[in-house]
Amino acid sequence: MANSTRAVRKTGTAVVEKGNVSTEVSKVSITFVAILGVAVGVWSLACIVGGLIASGGPLQFVGNWFKAVSGM
């Protein structure tokens, strides 16, 4: 029996995705601004609900708002 060496060749494909740095920075910036927008929206909703509760209802809330704006 003769000594033989078997060479195994591996073939395949590799997917390499190169992203542009400015594109990635833009994605992060847009995400950050969107998160801040949601936070401001939640905060404003919480303030309106708190004002409604403190005023005693929606009609009193509107009345108190007009009194505060007009200075009465």
PDB file of N, CA and C in Angstrom:
ATOM      1  N   MET A   1       0.824  -1.159   0.000  1.00  0.00           N
ATOM      2  CA  MET A   1       0.000   0.000   0.000  1.00  0.00           C
ATOM      3  C   MET A   1       0.880   1.238   0.000  1.00  0.00           C
ATOM      4  N   ALA A   2       0.585   2.124  -0.846  1.00  0.00           N
ATOM      5  CA  ALA A   2       1.394   3.330  -0.976  1.00  0.00           C
ATOM      6  C   ALA A   2       0.822   4.430  -0.095  1.00  0.00           C
ATOM      7  N   ASN A   3       1.738   5.222   0.448  1.00  0.00           N
ATOM      8  CA  ASN A   3       1.295   6.376   1.239  1.00  0.00           C
ATOM      9  C   ASN A   3       0.833   7.475   0.290  1.00  0.00           C
ATOM     10  N   SER A   4      -0.342   7.997   0.554  1.00  0.00           N
ATOM     11  CA  SER A   4      -0.850   9.073  -0.300  1.00  0.00           C
ATOM     12  C   SER A   4      -1.411  10.182   0.584  1.00  0.00           C
ATOM     13  N   THR A   5      -1.374  11.347   0.062  1.00  0.00           N
ATOM     14  CA  THR A   5      -1.888  12.515   0.775  1.00  0.00           C
ATOM     15  C   THR A   5      -3.075  13.065  -0.004  1.00  0.00           C
ATOM     16  N   ARG A   6      -4.109  13.277   0.727  1.00  0.00           N
ATOM     17  CA  ARG A   6      -5.306  13.809   0.079  1.00  0.00           C
ATOM     18  C   ARG A   6      -5.441  15.283   0.464  1.00  0.00           C
ATOM     19  N   ALA A   7      -5.574  16.118  -0.522  1.00  0.00           N
ATOM     20  CA  ALA A   7      -5.758  17.546  -0.289  1.00  0.00           C
ATOM     21  C   ALA A   7      -7.241  17.868  -0.456  1.00  0.00           C
ATOM     22  N   VAL A   8      -7.778  18.527   0.550  1.00  0.00           N
ATOM     23  CA  VAL A   8      -9.188  18.891   0.504  1.00  0.00           C
ATOM     24  C   VAL A   8      -9.272  20.396   0.291  1.00  0.00           C
ATOM     25  N   ARG A   9      -9.983  20.750  -0.726  1.00  0.00           N
ATOM     26  CA  ARG A   9     -10.139  22.168  -1.022  1.00  0.00           C
ATOM     27  C   ARG A   9     -11.540  22.595  -0.589  1.00  0.00           C
ATOM     28  N   LYS A  10     -11.593  23.616   0.235  1.00  0.00           N
ATOM     29  CA  LYS A  10     -12.877  24.137   0.678  1.00  0.00           C
ATOM     30  C   LYS A  10     -13.238  25.324  -0.211  1.00  0.00           C
ATOM     31  N   THR A  11     -14.400  25.255  -0.738  1.00  0.00           N
ATOM     32  CA  THR A  11     -14.878  26.374  -1.546  1.00  0.00           C
ATOM     33  C   THR A  11     -16.124  26.924  -0.888  1.00  0.00           C
ATOM     34  N   GLY A  12     -16.306  28.178  -0.994  1.00  0.00           N
ATOM     35  CA  GLY A  12     -17.484  28.819  -0.415  1.00  0.00           C
ATOM     36  C   GLY A  12     -17.480  30.289  -0.750  1.00  0.00           C
ATOM     37  N   THR A  13     -18.511  30.909  -0.338  1.00  0.00           N
ATOM     38  CA  THR A  13     -18.610  32.338  -0.571  1.00  0.00           C
ATOM     39  C   THR A  13     -18.745  33.046   0.762  1.00  0.00           C
ATOM     40  N   ALA A  14     -18.181  34.169   0.842  1.00  0.00           N
ATOM     41  CA  ALA A  14     -18.289  35.001   2.036  1.00  0.00           C
ATOM     42  C   ALA A  14     -18.962  36.309   1.643  1.00  0.00           C
ATOM     43  N   VAL A  15     -19.874  36.729   2.458  1.00  0.00           N
ATOM     44  CA  VAL A  15     -20.573  37.980   2.195  1.00  0.00           C
ATOM     45  C   VAL A  15     -19.962  39.041   3.089  1.00  0.00           C
ATOM     46  N   VAL A  16     -19.418  40.030   2.473  1.00  0.00           N
ATOM     47  CA  VAL A  16     -18.825  41.138   3.205  1.00  0.00           C
ATOM     48  C   VAL A  16     -19.578  42.390   2.806  1.00  0.00           C
ATOM     49  N   GLU A  17     -20.175  43.027   3.794  1.00  0.00           N
ATOM     50  CA  GLU A  17     -20.940  44.240   3.516  1.00  0.00           C
ATOM     51  C   GLU A  17     -20.171  45.421   4.070  1.00  0.00           C
ATOM     52  N   LYS A  18     -19.836  46.312   3.195  1.00  0.00           N
ATOM     53  CA  LYS A  18     -19.137  47.509   3.613  1.00  0.00           C
ATOM     54  C   LYS A  18     -20.134  48.653   3.633  1.00  0.00           C
ATOM     55  N   GLY A  19     -20.322  49.224   4.808  1.00  0.00           N
ATOM     56  CA  GLY A  19     -21.239  50.348   4.941  1.00  0.00           C
ATOM     57  C   GLY A  19     -20.473  51.652   4.955  1.00  0.00           C
ATOM     58  N   ASN A  20     -21.083  52.622   4.400  1.00  0.00           N
ATOM     59  CA  ASN A  20     -20.495  53.944   4.398  1.00  0.00           C
ATOM     60  C   ASN A  20     -20.642  54.527   5.801  1.00  0.00           C
ATOM     61  N   VAL A  21     -19.616  55.179   6.291  1.00  0.00           N
ATOM     62  CA  VAL A  21     -19.635  55.715   7.652  1.00  0.00           C
ATOM     63  C   VAL A  21     -20.727  56.763   7.789  1.00  0.00           C
ATOM     64  N   SER A  22     -20.888  57.605   6.810  1.00  0.00           N
ATOM     65  CA  SER A  22     -21.906  58.646   6.915  1.00  0.00           C
ATOM     66  C   SER A  22     -23.308  58.053   6.923  1.00  0.00           C
ATOM     67  N   THR A  23     -23.500  56.941   6.247  1.00  0.00           N
ATOM     68  CA  THR A  23     -24.803  56.274   6.270  1.00  0.00           C
ATOM     69  C   THR A  23     -25.100  55.745   7.664  1.00  0.00           C
ATOM     70  N   GLU A  24     -24.123  55.139   8.298  1.00  0.00           N
ATOM     71  CA  GLU A  24     -24.314  54.606   9.642  1.00  0.00           C
ATOM     72  C   GLU A  24     -24.559  55.722  10.645  1.00  0.00           C
ATOM     73  N   VAL A  25     -23.836  56.817  10.520  1.00  0.00           N
ATOM     74  CA  VAL A  25     -24.037  57.958  11.412  1.00  0.00           C
ATOM     75  C   VAL A  25     -25.435  58.526  11.219  1.00  0.00           C
ATOM     76  N   SER A  26     -25.899  58.574   9.990  1.00  0.00           N
ATOM     77  CA  SER A  26     -27.243  59.071   9.714  1.00  0.00           C
ATOM     78  C   SER A  26     -28.296  58.172  10.340  1.00  0.00           C
ATOM     79  N   LYS A  27     -28.111  56.868  10.260  1.00  0.00           N
ATOM     80  CA  LYS A  27     -29.065  55.936  10.864  1.00  0.00           C
ATOM     81  C   LYS A  27     -29.146  56.135  12.370  1.00  0.00           C
ATOM     82  N   VAL A  28     -27.993  56.282  13.005  1.00  0.00           N
ATOM     83  CA  VAL A  28     -27.962  56.491  14.449  1.00  0.00           C
ATOM     84  C   VAL A  28     -28.609  57.819  14.806  1.00  0.00           C
ATOM     85  N   SER A  29     -28.335  58.854  14.033  1.00  0.00           N
ATOM     86  CA  SER A  29     -28.910  60.171  14.300  1.00  0.00           C
ATOM     87  C   SER A  29     -30.422  60.157  14.157  1.00  0.00           C
ATOM     88  N   ILE A  30     -30.911  59.524  13.113  1.00  0.00           N
ATOM     89  CA  ILE A  30     -32.362  59.456  12.899  1.00  0.00           C
ATOM     90  C   ILE A  30     -33.030  58.672  14.026  1.00  0.00           C
ATOM     91  N   THR A  31     -32.414  57.597  14.442  1.00  0.00           N
ATOM     92  CA  THR A  31     -32.959  56.799  15.544  1.00  0.00           C
ATOM     93  C   THR A  31     -32.990  57.609  16.837  1.00  0.00           C
ATOM     94  N   PHE A  32     -31.934  58.338  17.103  1.00  0.00           N
ATOM     95  CA  PHE A  32     -31.851  59.149  18.317  1.00  0.00           C
ATOM     96  C   PHE A  32     -32.920  60.238  18.314  1.00  0.00           C
ATOM     97  N   VAL A  33     -33.107  60.913  17.190  1.00  0.00           N
ATOM     98  CA  VAL A  33     -34.122  61.964  17.090  1.00  0.00           C
ATOM     99  C   VAL A  33     -35.521  61.368  17.235  1.00  0.00           C
ATOM    100  N   ALA A  34     -35.747  60.199  16.673  1.00  0.00           N
ATOM    101  CA  ALA A  34     -37.048  59.548  16.804  1.00  0.00           C
ATOM    102  C   ALA A  34     -37.339  59.175  18.258  1.00  0.00           C
ATOM    103  N   ILE A  35     -36.346  58.677  18.956  1.00  0.00           N
ATOM    104  CA  ILE A  35     -36.526  58.320  20.366  1.00  0.00           C
ATOM    105  C   ILE A  35     -36.826  59.566  21.195  1.00  0.00           C
ATOM    106  N   LEU A  36     -36.121  60.654  20.919  1.00  0.00           N
ATOM    107  CA  LEU A  36     -36.396  61.898  21.639  1.00  0.00           C
ATOM    108  C   LEU A  36     -37.798  62.407  21.339  1.00  0.00           C
ATOM    109  N   GLY A  37     -38.242  62.282  20.101  1.00  0.00           N
ATOM    110  CA  GLY A  37     -39.596  62.698  19.739  1.00  0.00           C
ATOM    111  C   GLY A  37     -40.653  61.907  20.485  1.00  0.00           C
ATOM    112  N   VAL A  38     -40.431  60.607  20.602  1.00  0.00           N
ATOM    113  CA  VAL A  38     -41.373  59.768  21.357  1.00  0.00           C
ATOM    114  C   VAL A  38     -41.365  60.161  22.830  1.00  0.00           C
ATOM    115  N   ALA A  39     -40.187  60.439  23.369  1.00  0.00           N
ATOM    116  CA  ALA A  39     -40.095  60.832  24.777  1.00  0.00           C
ATOM    117  C   ALA A  39     -40.838  62.141  25.032  1.00  0.00           C
ATOM    118  N   VAL A  40     -40.707  63.107  24.136  1.00  0.00           N
ATOM    119  CA  VAL A  40     -41.412  64.381  24.283  1.00  0.00           C
ATOM    120  C   VAL A  40     -42.919  64.166  24.186  1.00  0.00           C
ATOM    121  N   GLY A  41     -43.351  63.310  23.280  1.00  0.00           N
ATOM    122  CA  GLY A  41     -44.773  63.010  23.148  1.00  0.00           C
ATOM    123  C   GLY A  41     -45.349  62.357  24.391  1.00  0.00           C
ATOM    124  N   VAL A  42     -44.633  61.401  24.958  1.00  0.00           N
ATOM    125  CA  VAL A  42     -45.089  60.735  26.182  1.00  0.00           C
ATOM    126  C   VAL A  42     -45.140  61.726  27.339  1.00  0.00           C
ATOM    127  N   TRP A  43     -44.129  62.591  27.422  1.00  0.00           N
ATOM    128  CA  TRP A  43     -44.088  63.598  28.487  1.00  0.00           C
ATOM    129  C   TRP A  43     -45.269  64.559  28.361  1.00  0.00           C
ATOM    130  N   SER A  44     -45.573  65.017  27.156  1.00  0.00           N
ATOM    131  CA  SER A  44     -46.686  65.953  26.977  1.00  0.00           C
ATOM    132  C   SER A  44     -48.018  65.281  27.298  1.00  0.00           C
ATOM    133  N   LEU A  45     -48.171  64.025  26.924  1.00  0.00           N
ATOM    134  CA  LEU A  45     -49.397  63.303  27.262  1.00  0.00           C
ATOM    135  C   LEU A  45     -49.534  63.154  28.772  1.00  0.00           C
ATOM    136  N   ALA A  46     -48.449  62.862  29.452  1.00  0.00           N
ATOM    137  CA  ALA A  46     -48.485  62.748  30.911  1.00  0.00           C
ATOM    138  C   ALA A  46     -48.848  64.080  31.556  1.00  0.00           C
ATOM    139  N   CYS A  47     -48.348  65.181  31.008  1.00  0.00           N
ATOM    140  CA  CYS A  47     -48.678  66.503  31.548  1.00  0.00           C
ATOM    141  C   CYS A  47     -50.146  66.839  31.341  1.00  0.00           C
ATOM    142  N   ILE A  48     -50.683  66.504  30.192  1.00  0.00           N
ATOM    143  CA  ILE A  48     -52.102  66.777  29.928  1.00  0.00           C
ATOM    144  C   ILE A  48     -52.983  65.937  30.847  1.00  0.00           C
ATOM    145  N   VAL A  49     -52.652  64.668  31.020  1.00  0.00           N
ATOM    146  CA  VAL A  49     -53.437  63.814  31.917  1.00  0.00           C
ATOM    147  C   VAL A  49     -53.343  64.325  33.349  1.00  0.00           C
ATOM    148  N   GLY A  50     -52.161  64.744  33.773  1.00  0.00           N
ATOM    149  CA  GLY A  50     -52.005  65.311  35.113  1.00  0.00           C
ATOM    150  C   GLY A  50     -52.817  66.583  35.295  1.00  0.00           C
ATOM    151  N   GLY A  51     -52.849  67.426  34.274  1.00  0.00           N
ATOM    152  CA  GLY A  51     -53.657  68.642  34.336  1.00  0.00           C
ATOM    153  C   GLY A  51     -55.142  68.343  34.391  1.00  0.00           C
ATOM    154  N   LEU A  52     -55.564  67.346  33.627  1.00  0.00           N
ATOM    155  CA  LEU A  52     -56.976  66.945  33.666  1.00  0.00           C
ATOM    156  C   LEU A  52     -57.367  66.450  35.057  1.00  0.00           C
ATOM    157  N   ILE A  53     -56.497  65.666  35.656  1.00  0.00           N
ATOM    158  CA  ILE A  53     -56.789  65.130  36.985  1.00  0.00           C
ATOM    159  C   ILE A  53     -56.798  66.248  38.024  1.00  0.00           C
ATOM    160  N   ALA A  54     -55.830  67.159  37.940  1.00  0.00           N
ATOM    161  CA  ALA A  54     -55.745  68.252  38.911  1.00  0.00           C
ATOM    162  C   ALA A  54     -56.907  69.235  38.766  1.00  0.00           C
ATOM    163  N   SER A  55     -57.411  69.409  37.547  1.00  0.00           N
ATOM    164  CA  SER A  55     -58.506  70.357  37.323  1.00  0.00           C
ATOM    165  C   SER A  55     -59.859  69.779  37.713  1.00  0.00           C
ATOM    166  N   GLY A  56     -60.004  68.509  37.645  1.00  0.00           N
ATOM    167  CA  GLY A  56     -61.275  67.906  37.994  1.00  0.00           C
ATOM    168  C   GLY A  56     -62.069  67.427  36.801  1.00  0.00           C
ATOM    169  N   GLY A  57     -61.562  67.554  35.619  1.00  0.00           N
ATOM    170  CA  GLY A  57     -62.275  67.076  34.432  1.00  0.00           C
ATOM    171  C   GLY A  57     -61.896  67.896  33.218  1.00  0.00           C
ATOM    172  N   PRO A  58     -62.372  67.462  32.055  1.00  0.00           N
ATOM    173  CA  PRO A  58     -61.972  68.156  30.826  1.00  0.00           C
ATOM    174  C   PRO A  58     -62.532  69.570  30.697  1.00  0.00           C
ATOM    175  N   LEU A  59     -63.754  69.800  31.152  1.00  0.00           N
ATOM    176  CA  LEU A  59     -64.326  71.147  31.039  1.00  0.00           C
ATOM    177  C   LEU A  59     -63.616  72.127  31.969  1.00  0.00           C
ATOM    178  N   GLN A  60     -63.338  71.698  33.181  1.00  0.00           N
ATOM    179  CA  GLN A  60     -62.607  72.555  34.114  1.00  0.00           C
ATOM    180  C   GLN A  60     -61.182  72.789  33.624  1.00  0.00           C
ATOM    181  N   PHE A  61     -60.610  71.778  32.984  1.00  0.00           N
ATOM    182  CA  PHE A  61     -59.255  71.909  32.434  1.00  0.00           C
ATOM    183  C   PHE A  61     -59.206  73.009  31.381  1.00  0.00           C
ATOM    184  N   VAL A  62     -60.168  72.985  30.466  1.00  0.00           N
ATOM    185  CA  VAL A  62     -60.211  74.008  29.409  1.00  0.00           C
ATOM    186  C   VAL A  62     -60.475  75.378  30.011  1.00  0.00           C
ATOM    187  N   GLY A  63     -61.377  75.441  30.968  1.00  0.00           N
ATOM    188  CA  GLY A  63     -61.669  76.724  31.617  1.00  0.00           C
ATOM    189  C   GLY A  63     -60.454  77.278  32.339  1.00  0.00           C
ATOM    190  N   ASN A  64     -59.759  76.422  33.073  1.00  0.00           N
ATOM    191  CA  ASN A  64     -58.552  76.869  33.778  1.00  0.00           C
ATOM    192  C   ASN A  64     -57.451  77.269  32.803  1.00  0.00           C
ATOM    193  N   TRP A  65     -57.384  76.591  31.657  1.00  0.00           N
ATOM    194  CA  TRP A  65     -56.380  76.949  30.659  1.00  0.00           C
ATOM    195  C   TRP A  65     -56.644  78.345  30.109  1.00  0.00           C
ATOM    196  N   PHE A  66     -57.917  78.645  29.787  1.00  0.00           N
ATOM    197  CA  PHE A  66     -58.250  79.980  29.287  1.00  0.00           C
ATOM    198  C   PHE A  66     -58.000  81.051  30.355  1.00  0.00           C
ATOM    199  N   LYS A  67     -58.283  80.740  31.612  1.00  0.00           N
ATOM    200  CA  LYS A  67     -58.009  81.687  32.690  1.00  0.00           C
ATOM    201  C   LYS A  67     -56.500  81.946  32.800  1.00  0.00           C
ATOM    202  N   ALA A  68     -55.699  80.907  32.661  1.00  0.00           N
ATOM    203  CA  ALA A  68     -54.245  81.077  32.783  1.00  0.00           C
ATOM    204  C   ALA A  68     -53.685  81.863  31.610  1.00  0.00           C
ATOM    205  N   VAL A  69     -54.203  81.618  30.407  1.00  0.00           N
ATOM    206  CA  VAL A  69     -53.686  82.312  29.225  1.00  0.00           C
ATOM    207  C   VAL A  69     -54.120  83.768  29.214  1.00  0.00           C
ATOM    208  N   SER A  70     -55.359  84.025  29.596  1.00  0.00           N
ATOM    209  CA  SER A  70     -55.860  85.401  29.552  1.00  0.00           C
ATOM    210  C   SER A  70     -55.424  86.214  30.760  1.00  0.00           C
ATOM    211  N   GLY A  71     -54.997  85.575  31.839  1.00  0.00           N
ATOM    212  CA  GLY A  71     -54.514  86.279  33.014  1.00  0.00           C
ATOM    213  C   GLY A  71     -55.612  86.641  33.985  1.00  0.00           C
ATOM    214  N   MET A  72     -56.734  86.030  33.898  1.00  0.00           N
ATOM    215  CA  MET A  72     -57.855  86.328  34.796  1.00  0.00           C
ATOM    216  C   MET A  72     -57.708  85.618  36.104  1.00  0.00           C
TER     217      MET A  72
END
